[in-house]
Protein backbone atom coordinates (compact mmCIF):
# COMPACT_ATOMS: atom_id res chain seq x y z
CA MET A 1 104.92 89.88 94.70
CA SER A 2 107.15 89.92 91.64
CA THR A 3 110.92 90.18 91.97
CA PHE A 4 112.21 93.74 91.79
CA LYS A 5 114.36 96.05 93.87
CA LEU A 6 113.00 99.44 94.86
CA ARG A 7 115.90 101.76 95.56
CA GLY A 8 116.35 104.66 97.93
CA LYS A 9 113.63 106.23 100.06
CA ARG A 10 110.88 105.35 97.60
CA ILE A 11 107.65 103.62 98.56
CA LEU A 12 105.07 101.89 96.40
CA LEU A 13 101.46 102.08 97.54
CA ASN A 14 98.54 99.99 96.35
CA LYS A 15 96.18 102.11 94.30
CA PRO A 16 92.67 101.63 95.69
CA HIS A 17 90.30 99.79 93.39
CA LYS A 18 87.58 101.92 91.91
CA GLU A 19 84.28 100.54 90.74
CA ASN A 20 83.73 100.22 87.01
CA TYR A 21 80.16 100.94 86.08
CA GLY A 22 80.52 100.04 82.39
CA ILE A 23 80.51 103.63 81.18
CA GLU A 24 83.16 104.51 78.59
CA LEU A 25 85.09 107.64 79.57
CA THR A 26 87.72 109.65 77.78
CA GLU A 27 91.24 109.56 79.19
CA ALA A 28 90.80 113.16 80.36
CA ALA A 29 87.59 112.26 82.21
CA LYS A 30 89.30 109.23 83.83
CA ALA A 31 92.18 111.44 84.98
CA GLU A 32 89.75 113.99 86.43
CA ILE A 33 87.83 111.30 88.33
CA ASP A 34 91.10 109.81 89.65
CA SER A 35 92.17 113.27 90.80
CA GLU A 36 88.91 113.72 92.72
CA LEU A 37 89.11 110.22 94.24
CA MET A 38 92.66 110.88 95.47
CA LYS A 39 91.33 113.58 97.76
CA LYS A 40 89.25 110.93 99.56
CA TRP A 41 91.97 108.29 100.03
CA THR A 42 92.93 108.36 103.69
CA ALA A 43 94.57 104.98 104.39
CA LEU A 44 96.68 103.60 101.57
CA GLU A 45 98.48 100.26 101.97
CA VAL A 46 102.26 100.06 101.54
CA TYR A 47 103.08 97.51 98.82
CA ALA A 48 106.90 97.78 98.77
CA ILE A 49 109.64 99.88 100.35
CA GLY A 50 112.99 101.05 99.02
CA THR A 51 116.38 99.98 100.30
CA ASP A 52 116.79 103.10 102.48
CA VAL A 53 113.29 103.35 103.99
CA THR A 54 113.35 103.20 107.80
CA GLU A 55 110.00 104.46 109.09
CA VAL A 56 107.50 102.31 107.18
CA SER A 57 106.97 98.58 106.59
CA VAL A 58 105.14 96.63 103.90
CA ASN A 59 101.38 96.36 104.67
CA ASP A 60 101.39 99.49 106.88
CA LYS A 61 98.53 101.90 106.26
CA VAL A 62 99.62 105.47 105.57
CA TYR A 63 98.06 108.87 104.98
CA ILE A 64 99.47 110.96 102.16
CA PRO A 65 98.34 114.59 101.65
CA SER A 66 96.20 114.91 98.52
CA TYR A 67 98.56 117.44 96.91
CA VAL A 68 101.34 114.80 97.03
CA LEU A 69 99.09 112.16 95.46
CA GLN A 70 98.16 114.48 92.62
CA THR A 71 101.80 114.66 91.50
CA ALA A 72 102.88 111.11 92.46
CA GLU A 73 104.32 108.72 89.89
CA ILE A 74 101.94 105.98 88.73
CA VAL A 75 103.67 102.66 88.08
CA ASP A 76 102.12 99.74 86.18
CA MET A 77 103.49 96.60 87.83
CA HIS A 78 101.71 94.46 85.21
CA ASP A 79 100.56 91.31 87.08
CA GLU A 80 100.62 93.18 90.39
CA GLY A 81 98.45 96.08 89.19
CA ILE A 82 98.84 99.84 89.32
CA LYS A 83 100.96 101.28 92.15
CA ILE A 84 101.62 104.82 93.39
CA MET A 85 105.26 105.78 94.01
CA ILE A 86 106.08 108.39 96.65
CA SER A 87 109.03 109.34 98.85
CA GLU A 88 109.18 108.32 102.50
CA GLN A 89 109.14 112.00 103.50
CA ASP A 90 105.70 112.42 101.87
CA ILE A 91 104.00 110.23 104.50
CA ALA A 92 102.11 112.20 107.14
CA ILE A 93 100.62 109.40 109.28
CA ILE A 94 101.45 105.69 109.70
CA TRP A 95 99.06 103.13 111.18
């Protein structure tokens, strides 16, 4: 993991990998597909936690309601890939 400090009650989640079938899509079509896929994500892995997070640990699996995922911040961590940033309060279930 690269060196960075995530502040507050923020959490970064690994964005699940989606298959690429070699079909070129417009950005709007990609966003629509991502939105539909988010509804099916039920166990996302915690990548990093903020300085004030108390309920969750790195590598925990969590369930986030789909309406939260649809408005979550998407963060490009470059070498580490795309991450989803949410607040600790957005987590409904922890495994």
